[in-house]
Protein backbone atom coordinates (compact mmCIF):
# COMPACT_ATOMS: atom_id res chain seq x y z
CA MET A 1 -12.64 5.94 18.55
CA GLY A 2 -9.72 7.65 16.87
CA SER A 3 -8.40 11.10 17.36
CA SER A 4 -9.65 14.19 15.58
CA ILE A 5 -7.84 16.54 13.26
CA ASN A 6 -8.66 20.06 12.19
CA LEU A 7 -7.67 21.22 8.75
CA SER A 8 -8.10 24.27 6.60
CA LEU A 9 -9.45 23.85 3.09
CA THR A 10 -9.46 26.17 0.14
CA ASP A 11 -12.89 27.32 -1.00
CA GLU A 12 -12.62 24.96 -3.96
CA LEU A 13 -11.88 21.93 -1.76
CA ARG A 14 -14.61 22.85 0.71
CA SER A 15 -17.10 23.04 -2.16
CA PHE A 16 -15.94 19.63 -3.37
CA VAL A 17 -16.45 18.12 0.09
CA ASP A 18 -19.84 19.78 0.42
CA ARG A 19 -20.96 18.49 -3.00
CA ASN A 20 -20.00 14.94 -1.99
CA SER A 21 -21.54 14.82 1.47
CA GLY A 22 -24.93 15.49 2.96
CA ASN A 23 -28.40 15.02 1.51
CA GLY A 24 -28.52 13.22 -1.82
CA THR A 25 -25.01 11.77 -1.56
CA ASP A 26 -23.45 8.53 -0.35
CA TYR A 27 -22.01 10.24 2.74
CA ALA A 28 -24.03 11.72 5.58
CA THR A 29 -21.29 14.04 6.79
CA PRO A 30 -18.11 15.68 5.47
CA SER A 31 -16.13 13.62 7.99
CA GLU A 32 -17.53 10.38 6.60
CA PHE A 33 -16.63 11.45 3.07
CA LEU A 34 -13.09 12.49 4.00
CA ARG A 35 -12.48 9.26 5.95
CA ASP A 36 -13.49 7.27 2.87
CA VAL A 37 -11.23 9.38 0.63
CA LEU A 38 -8.32 8.76 3.02
CA ARG A 39 -9.02 5.02 3.18
CA GLU A 40 -9.04 4.84 -0.63
CA LYS A 41 -5.73 6.72 -0.80
CA LYS A 42 -4.26 4.30 1.76
CA ARG A 43 -5.46 1.31 -0.31
CA ARG A 44 -3.88 2.79 -3.46
CA ILE A 45 -0.54 3.33 -1.71
CA GLU A 46 -0.57 -0.22 -0.30
CA ALA A 47 -1.47 -1.65 -3.73
CA ALA A 48 1.39 0.27 -5.36
CA GLU A 49 3.82 -1.05 -2.74
CA PHE A 50 2.54 -4.59 -3.34
CA ARG A 51 2.95 -4.22 -7.13
CA SER A 52 6.49 -2.94 -6.63
CA ALA A 53 7.34 -5.93 -4.45
CA ILE A 54 5.96 -8.31 -7.09
CA ILE A 55 7.98 -6.61 -9.83
CA GLU A 56 11.09 -6.80 -7.66
CA GLY A 57 10.45 -10.52 -7.19
CA TYR A 58 10.15 -11.05 -10.95
CA ARG A 59 13.38 -9.14 -11.50
CA ASP A 60 15.15 -11.27 -8.90
CA LEU A 61 13.84 -14.41 -10.59
CA ALA A 62 14.94 -13.22 -14.04
CA ALA A 63 18.40 -12.39 -12.66
CA GLY A 64 18.73 -15.80 -11.01
CA ARG A 65 18.45 -14.46 -7.47
CA PHE A 66 16.31 -17.23 -6.00
CA VAL A 67 16.53 -20.50 -4.13
CA GLN A 68 14.46 -23.62 -4.62
CA PHE A 69 11.96 -24.04 -1.79
CA ASP A 70 11.46 -27.64 -0.68
CA GLY A 71 9.32 -26.99 2.37
CA ASP A 72 12.13 -26.14 4.80
CA LEU A 73 11.93 -22.38 5.29
CA LYS A 74 14.95 -22.22 7.60
CA ALA A 75 17.14 -24.04 5.07
CA ALA A 76 15.88 -21.84 2.22
CA LEU A 77 16.65 -18.66 4.18
CA THR A 78 20.10 -19.95 5.09
CA GLU A 79 20.80 -20.79 1.45
CA ALA A 80 19.52 -17.39 0.29
CA LYS A 81 21.72 -15.58 2.82
CA GLN A 82 24.75 -17.57 1.67
CA LYS A 83 24.02 -16.87 -1.99
CA GLU A 84 23.58 -13.16 -1.17
CA ARG A 85 27.00 -13.13 0.51
CA ASP A 86 28.51 -14.90 -2.50
CA GLY A 87 26.91 -12.45 -4.95
CA TRP A 88 24.36 -15.00 -6.25
CA LYS A 89 26.98 -17.05 -8.05
């Protein structure tokens, strides 16, 4: 079990939580609803970071900052480090 947290909500936010938890909703309790909201926010942040990494990889490829991988990871890393030191020339 995780730790608990207490937080103060504005009346508007409390109403929003109340409307989305309890009888007739997908969430039995406000805590369940808020945990799901936080998990979704975490997934969105992780997805944005992943998209940024992919875009950075495409930019590196377009700029010629890559090494050919032939199955030897150690050799590829060594080559990449050398090319980085040499300014990818």
